[in-house]
Protein backbone atom coordinates (compact mmCIF):
# COMPACT_ATOMS: atom_id res chain seq x y z
CA MET A 1 57.26 18.52 43.80
CA LYS A 2 53.67 18.26 42.63
CA LEU A 3 52.47 14.95 44.10
CA SER A 4 53.39 12.73 47.03
CA ILE A 5 52.02 9.21 46.77
CA ILE A 6 51.74 7.49 50.14
CA ILE A 7 51.34 3.72 50.28
CA LEU A 8 50.83 1.95 53.59
CA CYS A 9 52.35 -1.51 53.53
CA TRP A 10 51.87 -4.45 55.85
CA ASN A 11 52.93 -7.77 54.34
CA ASP A 12 51.81 -6.75 50.84
CA LEU A 13 54.57 -8.47 48.85
CA LYS A 14 52.04 -10.09 46.48
CA VAL A 15 50.53 -6.79 45.29
CA ILE A 16 52.78 -3.80 45.99
CA SER A 17 55.21 -4.41 43.11
CA ASN A 18 52.39 -4.24 40.57
CA CYS A 19 51.14 -1.05 42.20
CA LEU A 20 54.55 0.61 42.08
CA ALA A 21 55.21 -0.53 38.52
CA SER A 22 51.89 0.95 37.39
CA ILE A 23 52.74 4.30 38.99
CA TYR A 24 56.17 4.56 37.38
CA SER A 25 55.16 3.28 33.95
CA ASN A 26 51.94 5.29 33.59
CA THR A 27 52.88 8.69 35.02
CA HIS A 28 54.79 10.91 32.61
CA SER A 29 54.33 14.65 33.11
CA THR A 30 53.80 14.92 36.86
CA GLU A 31 56.72 15.38 39.23
CA PHE A 32 56.04 12.91 42.03
CA GLU A 33 57.55 10.96 44.89
CA VAL A 34 56.46 7.64 46.33
CA ILE A 35 56.72 6.99 50.04
CA VAL A 36 55.97 3.54 51.44
CA SER A 37 55.19 3.53 55.14
CA ASP A 38 55.78 -0.01 56.33
CA ASN A 39 53.94 -1.30 59.38
CA GLY A 40 56.37 -4.08 60.30
CA SER A 41 56.15 -6.37 57.27
CA ILE A 42 57.86 -9.75 57.61
CA ASP A 43 57.11 -11.13 54.12
CA GLY A 44 60.01 -9.53 52.24
CA SER A 45 57.98 -6.55 51.00
CA ILE A 46 60.55 -3.95 51.97
CA GLU A 47 63.51 -5.87 50.59
CA SER A 48 61.68 -6.30 47.28
CA ILE A 49 60.77 -2.62 47.08
CA ARG A 50 64.34 -1.54 47.76
CA LYS A 51 65.68 -3.96 45.16
CA HIS A 52 63.22 -3.26 42.34
CA PHE A 53 62.14 0.34 43.04
CA PRO A 54 65.14 2.24 44.41
CA ARG A 55 63.42 5.62 43.92
CA VAL A 56 60.79 4.76 46.54
CA ARG A 57 61.38 6.23 49.97
CA VAL A 58 60.70 3.59 52.59
CA ILE A 59 59.82 4.43 56.16
CA GLU A 60 60.09 1.43 58.46
CA ASN A 61 57.76 1.93 61.40
CA GLY A 62 58.93 -1.29 63.09
CA ARG A 63 55.42 -2.23 64.15
CA ASN A 64 51.84 -1.99 62.99
CA LEU A 65 50.80 1.62 63.57
CA ARG A 66 47.48 0.91 61.83
CA PHE A 67 46.00 2.86 58.95
CA ALA A 68 45.78 6.47 60.12
CA LYS A 69 49.01 6.74 62.07
CA GLY A 70 50.99 4.78 59.47
CA ASN A 71 49.83 7.15 56.74
CA ASN A 72 50.39 10.23 58.89
CA VAL A 73 54.03 9.25 59.47
CA ALA A 74 54.60 9.30 55.70
CA ILE A 75 52.54 12.44 55.12
CA ALA A 76 54.73 14.27 57.62
CA GLU A 77 57.77 13.34 55.48
CA SER A 78 56.16 14.20 52.14
CA ARG A 79 57.19 17.15 49.98
CA GLY A 80 54.37 17.28 47.45
CA GLU A 81 51.88 20.06 46.90
CA TYR A 82 49.25 17.31 46.84
CA VAL A 83 49.13 14.01 48.74
CA LEU A 84 47.53 10.83 47.43
CA ILE A 85 46.99 7.95 49.83
CA LEU A 86 47.01 4.80 47.73
CA ASN A 87 46.27 1.21 48.73
CA PRO A 88 49.02 -1.25 47.78
CA ASP A 89 46.66 -3.31 45.61
CA THR A 90 45.76 -0.34 43.39
CA LEU A 91 46.82 -0.15 39.75
CA ILE A 92 47.25 3.28 38.16
CA GLY A 93 46.03 3.63 34.58
CA GLU A 94 47.87 5.37 31.76
CA GLY A 95 48.02 9.12 32.47
CA ALA A 96 45.64 8.96 35.43
CA LEU A 97 47.92 10.83 37.84
CA ASP A 98 48.92 13.31 35.14
CA THR A 99 45.24 14.13 34.61
CA LEU A 100 44.62 14.30 38.35
CA THR A 101 47.25 16.99 38.95
CA VAL A 102 46.52 19.29 35.99
C-alpha cells in the first residue's frame, strides 16, 4: 500500500461525499486506502459514507477526540507507506495524488 488518506469527520455530511468522490475519480495509478475517523457525527455522515463509499474504512470514535487524537487513531490503523491527512472539504484534482506519490 503506497498511500493512506486520513479524513477526520465531525458532522461533515455536506462536504465529505464530494471529497471522497474526488479521491476515487481522480486517483488512478496509486494504490491507496481511505480511512475516515469519525468524532461522533450525528448528521448522517457515517451512514452516507458506508452507503456510497463502501471501500472507505470508518473508525467510529464515539465522541469528539479533537483534531490530533482523532487523526492519530486512524494513523495507527493505516497501512500506507505515506500518510496524507486531508480535510473533509478538500477536493483532489485529476492525478494530484498520483503525482504526489511518484
